[in-house]
């Protein structure tokens, strides 16, 4: 009987061992499945993270571009306001220049009668007041006679052949030119030596 028991025991041990082997194999399969599922999940999560990072980068880039555009618009607006303030009197000066030219022509006349001299003296005072007002606004006469011709400030309408003057030197001013700060309102009309 002890032999039978031992055969039974052996058989039971073998069955038990096979069951354990089957269980071990199923555990390994389960672990592989868990590993595969985990890797798939990680890959999906990493893909989502990468996608979200790309979206974040795109949004940040868009934000920075918008901020730069805003700063540029702000700078442009400030520059326009500065220019508007700086050159605010340009249109008024342009409207007054013909009257100033008329004053200059009137003041250039010779007067013999005392009454005419008094009128011219009054006109000269008004003329000087206009020039002072121009000066306060930054409007000044462009120098011409004796200067070298500069197409940025002068408009040549005649040529001269004066041997005493240098080449390209302005010998006569036909109409005064004016500038407002660094902007030419009207160029001087001049006669230039060859």
Protein backbone atom coordinates (compact mmCIF):
# COMPACT_ATOMS: atom_id res chain seq x y z
CA UNK A 1 0.00 0.00 0.00
CA UNK A 2 2.81 2.32 0.61
CA UNK A 3 3.81 1.71 -2.96
CA UNK A 4 0.36 2.64 -4.17
CA UNK A 5 0.38 5.71 -2.08
CA UNK A 6 3.60 6.75 -3.42
CA UNK A 7 2.37 6.20 -6.98
CA UNK A 8 -0.72 8.17 -6.12
CA UNK A 9 1.39 10.80 -4.55
CA UNK A 10 3.67 10.85 -7.54
CA UNK A 11 0.71 11.19 -9.82
CA UNK A 12 -0.75 13.92 -7.65
CA UNK A 13 2.58 15.67 -7.57
CA UNK A 14 2.83 15.49 -11.34
CA UNK A 15 -0.71 16.84 -11.78
CA UNK A 16 -0.03 19.55 -9.29
CA UNK A 17 3.23 20.40 -11.07
CA UNK A 18 1.42 20.63 -14.43
CA UNK A 19 -1.24 22.86 -12.92
CA UNK A 20 1.48 25.08 -11.51
CA UNK A 21 3.19 25.16 -14.90
CA UNK A 22 -0.10 26.10 -16.56
CA UNK A 23 -0.65 28.78 -13.95
CA UNK A 24 2.88 30.06 -14.41
CA UNK A 25 2.39 30.21 -18.18
CA UNK A 26 -0.90 32.08 -17.78
CA UNK A 27 0.81 34.46 -15.33
CA UNK A 28 3.56 35.11 -17.86
CA UNK A 29 0.96 35.71 -20.58
CA UNK A 30 -0.88 38.08 -18.27
CA UNK A 31 2.36 39.91 -17.47
CA UNK A 32 3.14 40.19 -21.20
CA UNK A 33 -0.37 41.50 -21.84
CA UNK A 34 0.01 43.99 -18.99
CA UNK A 35 3.41 45.02 -20.35
CA UNK A 36 1.98 45.43 -23.88
CA UNK A 37 -1.03 47.34 -22.58
CA UNK A 38 1.24 49.56 -20.48
CA UNK A 39 3.54 50.22 -23.46
CA UNK A 40 0.53 51.03 -25.67
CA UNK A 41 -0.86 53.30 -22.99
CA UNK A 42 2.49 54.98 -22.55
CA UNK A 43 2.83 55.46 -26.28
CA UNK A 44 -0.67 56.95 -26.51
CA UNK A 45 0.01 59.18 -23.51
CA UNK A 46 3.32 60.27 -24.96
CA UNK A 47 1.63 61.04 -28.25
CA UNK A 48 -0.99 63.11 -26.45
CA UNK A 49 1.70 64.90 -24.45
CA UNK A 50 3.65 65.62 -27.63
CA UNK A 51 0.50 66.89 -29.36
CA UNK A 52 -0.33 69.14 -26.38
CA UNK A 53 3.25 70.44 -26.26
CA UNK A 54 3.05 71.28 -29.98
CA UNK A 55 -0.26 73.08 -29.45
CA UNK A 56 1.24 74.96 -26.51
CA UNK A 57 4.26 75.97 -28.60
CA UNK A 58 1.97 77.12 -31.41
CA UNK A 59 -0.20 79.12 -29.01
CA UNK A 60 2.88 80.66 -27.38
CA UNK A 61 4.28 81.58 -30.80
CA UNK A 62 0.93 83.12 -31.81
CA UNK A 63 0.83 85.05 -28.54
CA UNK A 64 4.36 86.38 -29.05
CA UNK A 65 3.55 87.42 -32.64
CA UNK A 66 0.39 89.16 -31.47
CA UNK A 67 2.32 90.92 -28.72
CA UNK A 68 4.98 92.02 -31.23
CA UNK A 69 2.28 93.28 -33.62
CA UNK A 70 0.67 95.19 -30.77
CA UNK A 71 4.02 96.74 -29.80
CA UNK A 72 4.66 97.73 -33.44
CA UNK A 73 1.22 99.33 -33.76
CA UNK A 74 1.78 101.16 -30.49
CA UNK A 75 5.21 102.44 -31.62
CA UNK A 76 3.78 103.48 -35.00
CA UNK A 77 0.92 105.30 -33.28
CA UNK A 78 3.32 107.13 -30.95
CA UNK A 79 5.54 108.07 -33.90
CA UNK A 80 2.52 109.37 -35.83
CA UNK A 81 1.40 111.42 -32.84
CA UNK A 82 4.92 112.83 -32.44
CA UNK A 83 5.09 113.72 -36.14
CA UNK A 84 1.63 115.25 -36.01
CA UNK A 85 2.65 117.35 -33.01
CA UNK A 86 6.04 118.22 -34.51
CA UNK A 87 4.62 119.34 -37.88
CA UNK A 88 1.26 120.68 -36.68
CA UNK A 89 1.93 124.17 -38.06
CA UNK A 90 2.98 123.08 -41.54
CA UNK A 91 -0.34 123.69 -43.28
CA UNK A 92 -0.72 127.10 -41.63
CA UNK A 93 2.80 128.06 -42.71
CA UNK A 94 2.11 126.92 -46.27
CA UNK A 95 -1.01 129.10 -46.32
CA UNK A 96 0.90 132.12 -44.94
CA UNK A 97 3.91 131.89 -47.27
CA UNK A 98 2.25 133.73 -50.20
CA UNK A 99 1.24 136.55 -47.84
CA UNK A 100 4.83 136.67 -46.52
CA UNK A 101 6.11 136.86 -50.12
CA UNK A 102 3.74 139.77 -50.76
CA UNK A 103 5.03 141.52 -47.65
CA UNK A 104 8.62 141.12 -48.89
CA UNK A 105 7.73 142.56 -52.31
CA UNK A 106 5.93 145.50 -50.72
CA UNK A 107 8.83 146.18 -48.34
CA UNK A 108 11.27 146.17 -51.27
CA UNK A 109 9.57 149.20 -52.86
CA UNK A 110 11.11 152.64 -52.51
CA UNK A 111 8.95 155.24 -50.83
CA UNK A 112 9.36 158.98 -51.25
CA UNK A 113 6.37 160.25 -49.30
CA UNK A 114 6.36 160.24 -45.54
CA UNK A 115 2.90 158.60 -45.37
CA UNK A 116 4.04 155.69 -47.55
CA UNK A 117 7.16 155.30 -45.40
CA UNK A 118 4.98 155.06 -42.28
CA UNK A 119 2.77 152.41 -43.91
CA UNK A 120 5.86 150.44 -44.96
CA UNK A 121 7.23 150.73 -41.42
CA UNK A 122 3.97 149.27 -40.05
CA UNK A 123 4.08 146.50 -42.66
CA UNK A 124 7.68 145.74 -41.68
CA UNK A 125 6.63 145.39 -38.02
CA UNK A 126 3.85 142.93 -39.00
CA UNK A 127 6.29 141.07 -41.25
CA UNK A 128 8.80 140.74 -38.38
CA UNK A 129 6.06 139.51 -36.02
CA UNK A 130 5.16 136.78 -38.51
CA UNK A 131 8.83 135.77 -38.75
CA UNK A 132 9.08 135.61 -34.93
CA UNK A 133 5.93 133.45 -34.79
CA UNK A 134 7.43 131.21 -37.48
CA UNK A 135 10.65 130.94 -35.51
CA UNK A 136 8.76 129.91 -32.35
CA UNK A 137 7.15 127.08 -34.31
CA UNK A 138 10.50 125.94 -35.72
CA UNK A 139 9.94 127.40 -39.20
CA UNK A 140 13.07 128.97 -40.60
CA UNK A 141 14.31 130.42 -43.86
CA UNK A 142 16.53 128.16 -45.94
CA UNK A 143 19.85 129.94 -46.57
CA UNK A 144 20.53 130.38 -50.27
CA UNK A 145 22.79 133.13 -51.67
CA UNK A 146 26.45 132.16 -51.36
CA UNK A 147 25.60 128.55 -50.43
CA UNK A 148 26.32 125.47 -52.51
CA UNK A 149 23.29 124.21 -54.44
CA UNK A 150 21.53 121.36 -52.62
CA UNK A 151 18.57 119.78 -54.45
CA UNK A 152 17.06 118.84 -51.08
CA UNK A 153 16.62 122.51 -50.17
CA UNK A 154 16.92 124.47 -53.44
CA UNK A 155 15.14 124.48 -56.77
CA UNK A 156 17.33 125.73 -59.60
CA UNK A 157 15.30 127.71 -62.12
CA UNK A 158 18.12 129.65 -63.79
CA UNK A 159 21.84 129.32 -64.49
CA UNK A 160 24.42 132.04 -64.08
CA UNK A 161 27.96 132.39 -65.40
CA UNK A 162 29.61 134.54 -62.73
CA UNK A 163 33.40 134.23 -62.74
CA UNK A 164 33.62 135.47 -59.13
CA UNK A 165 31.41 132.65 -57.82
CA UNK A 166 32.34 129.00 -57.40
CA UNK A 167 30.83 126.28 -59.51
CA UNK A 168 27.38 125.20 -58.25
CA UNK A 169 27.19 128.26 -55.96
CA UNK A 170 23.85 130.05 -55.62
CA UNK A 171 24.18 133.58 -56.98
CA UNK A 172 20.60 134.83 -56.54
CA UNK A 173 17.44 133.88 -54.70
CA UNK A 174 14.22 134.38 -56.64
CA UNK A 175 11.89 133.10 -53.92
CA UNK A 176 12.71 132.29 -50.31
CA UNK A 177 12.46 128.71 -49.16
CA UNK A 178 11.31 127.58 -45.72
CA UNK A 179 11.69 124.47 -43.64
CA UNK A 180 9.85 123.25 -40.56
CA UNK A 181 12.37 121.61 -38.26
CA UNK A 182 13.88 119.01 -40.63
CA UNK A 183 11.12 119.04 -43.29
CA UNK A 184 11.20 121.36 -46.29
CA UNK A 185 7.93 123.27 -46.63
CA UNK A 186 8.99 125.04 -49.80
CA UNK A 187 12.40 124.88 -51.51
CA UNK A 188 14.20 128.10 -52.40
CA UNK A 189 13.95 129.08 -56.07
CA UNK A 190 17.49 130.02 -57.00
CA UNK A 191 19.91 130.99 -59.72
CA UNK A 192 22.96 128.67 -59.76
CA UNK A 193 26.43 129.37 -61.14
CA UNK A 194 27.71 126.92 -63.74
